[in-house]
Amino acid sequence: MQAIKIVAIVLIVVGLVGLAYEGITYTKREKVLEVGPITATKETKETIPLPPILGGAALVCGVVLLIATARR
């Protein structure tokens, strides 16, 4: 019973974060040039888009699980 409450709270938090940020951004480094001890790198920012429906679904599932455990 306690594990289900924890999962419900995690789903609610993940849903709120997903609705707030709408994507995960990270920085990717790659070598462009390497001549002896000298290297040149390039940093690019990549974004993984998260649709708002995904965050909303996680939020709703978390609330439903929390209410279901409270009724028992």
Protein backbone atom coordinates (compact mmCIF):
# COMPACT_ATOMS: atom_id res chain seq x y z
CA MET A 1 0.00 0.00 0.00
CA GLN A 2 2.84 2.39 0.86
CA ALA A 3 4.64 1.63 -2.41
CA ILE A 4 1.56 2.58 -4.44
CA LYS A 5 1.37 5.94 -2.65
CA ILE A 6 5.02 6.60 -3.46
CA VAL A 7 4.46 5.70 -7.13
CA ALA A 8 1.41 8.00 -7.21
CA ILE A 9 3.37 10.92 -5.76
CA VAL A 10 6.24 10.32 -8.22
CA LEU A 11 3.76 10.30 -11.12
CA ILE A 12 2.23 13.57 -9.93
CA VAL A 13 5.65 15.23 -9.67
CA VAL A 14 6.75 13.90 -13.08
CA GLY A 15 3.48 15.10 -14.60
CA LEU A 16 3.89 18.61 -13.19
CA VAL A 17 7.51 18.81 -14.35
CA GLY A 18 6.50 17.54 -17.79
CA LEU A 19 3.81 20.20 -18.07
CA ALA A 20 6.15 22.95 -16.88
CA TYR A 21 9.21 22.27 -19.03
CA GLU A 22 7.74 20.60 -22.14
CA GLY A 23 11.07 18.97 -22.98
CA ILE A 24 14.45 17.76 -21.81
CA THR A 25 17.50 19.72 -22.97
CA TYR A 26 21.04 18.39 -22.82
CA THR A 27 24.43 19.41 -24.19
CA LYS A 28 26.32 17.13 -26.54
CA ARG A 29 30.08 17.49 -27.15
CA GLU A 30 31.81 16.06 -30.17
CA LYS A 31 35.36 16.31 -31.49
CA VAL A 32 35.64 18.33 -34.66
CA LEU A 33 39.40 18.40 -35.14
CA GLU A 34 42.31 16.62 -33.50
CA VAL A 35 45.84 17.61 -34.47
CA GLY A 36 48.46 16.22 -32.10
CA PRO A 37 47.81 17.48 -28.57
CA ILE A 38 45.34 20.14 -29.80
CA THR A 39 41.68 19.22 -30.06
CA ALA A 40 38.70 21.30 -31.11
CA THR A 41 35.28 20.37 -29.81
CA LYS A 42 31.81 21.52 -30.71
CA GLU A 43 28.95 21.82 -28.23
CA THR A 44 25.39 21.46 -29.46
CA LYS A 45 22.22 21.64 -27.42
CA GLU A 46 19.76 18.86 -28.13
CA THR A 47 16.14 18.89 -27.00
CA ILE A 48 13.87 15.89 -26.54
CA PRO A 49 10.32 17.25 -26.82
CA LEU A 50 7.72 15.97 -24.37
CA PRO A 51 4.13 16.46 -25.46
CA PRO A 52 1.91 18.12 -22.83
CA ILE A 53 -0.52 15.19 -23.11
CA LEU A 54 2.17 12.94 -21.62
CA GLY A 55 2.58 15.19 -18.58
CA GLY A 56 -1.18 15.48 -18.17
CA ALA A 57 -1.63 11.72 -18.39
CA ALA A 58 1.04 11.12 -15.74
CA LEU A 59 -0.59 13.72 -13.49
CA VAL A 60 -4.07 12.20 -13.88
CA CYS A 61 -2.78 8.65 -13.28
CA GLY A 62 -0.98 9.79 -10.14
CA VAL A 63 -4.08 11.50 -8.76
CA VAL A 64 -6.25 8.45 -9.55
CA LEU A 65 -3.78 6.13 -7.81
CA LEU A 66 -3.61 8.42 -4.78
CA ILE A 67 -7.40 8.57 -4.49
CA ALA A 68 -7.71 4.79 -4.96
CA THR A 69 -5.25 4.10 -2.14
CA ALA A 70 -6.98 6.61 0.15
CA ARG A 71 -10.34 4.86 -0.22
CA ARG A 72 -9.01 1.49 0.91
